[in-house]
Amino acid sequence: MEKDGVTNFNLDYFIRLVKIAQAADKERDQRLEKEKIIKSGIHSRF
């Protein structure tokens, strides 16, 4: 019985880590997209 509890805990923990990683990736992608827009705006002025 305890083994199942440990497995469920590990699975829940793993799922939380995946969600955190996905959120971090999304945030990074949005930041990169913003930087790309800013850089393209700067290049177009020169």
Protein backbone atom coordinates (compact mmCIF):
# COMPACT_ATOMS: atom_id res chain seq x y z
CA MET A 1 0.00 0.00 0.00
CA GLU A 2 2.80 2.40 0.89
CA LYS A 3 4.48 1.76 -2.45
CA ASP A 4 1.39 3.06 -4.29
CA GLY A 5 1.39 6.19 -2.12
CA VAL A 6 5.03 6.86 -2.94
CA THR A 7 4.38 6.31 -6.65
CA ASN A 8 1.43 8.72 -6.61
CA PHE A 9 3.48 11.31 -4.74
CA ASN A 10 6.33 11.01 -7.24
CA LEU A 11 3.91 11.27 -10.16
CA ASP A 12 2.23 14.38 -8.70
CA TYR A 13 5.64 15.92 -8.05
CA PHE A 14 6.79 15.12 -11.58
CA ILE A 15 3.62 16.61 -13.10
CA ARG A 16 4.15 19.80 -11.05
CA LEU A 17 7.75 20.04 -12.24
CA VAL A 18 6.63 19.63 -15.86
CA LYS A 19 4.01 22.37 -15.45
CA ILE A 20 6.61 24.70 -13.91
CA ALA A 21 9.02 23.97 -16.76
CA GLN A 22 6.31 24.63 -19.36
CA ALA A 23 5.42 27.95 -17.71
CA ALA A 24 9.10 28.94 -17.65
CA ASP A 25 9.47 28.04 -21.34
CA LYS A 26 6.39 30.08 -22.22
CA GLU A 27 7.69 33.06 -20.26
CA ARG A 28 11.10 32.78 -21.95
CA ASP A 29 9.51 32.53 -25.40
CA GLN A 30 7.42 35.65 -24.75
CA ARG A 31 10.50 37.55 -23.56
CA LEU A 32 12.50 36.47 -26.63
CA GLU A 33 9.63 37.49 -28.90
CA LYS A 34 9.55 40.95 -27.24
CA GLU A 35 13.32 41.33 -27.64
CA LYS A 36 13.07 40.31 -31.29
CA ILE A 37 10.39 42.95 -31.90
CA ILE A 38 12.48 45.61 -30.11
CA LYS A 39 15.63 44.67 -32.07
CA SER A 40 13.80 44.69 -35.40
CA GLY A 41 12.41 48.12 -34.51
CA ILE A 42 15.90 49.41 -33.71
CA HIS A 43 17.33 47.99 -36.96
CA SER A 44 14.59 49.55 -39.05
CA ARG A 45 15.52 53.03 -37.75
CA PHE A 46 19.16 52.76 -38.84
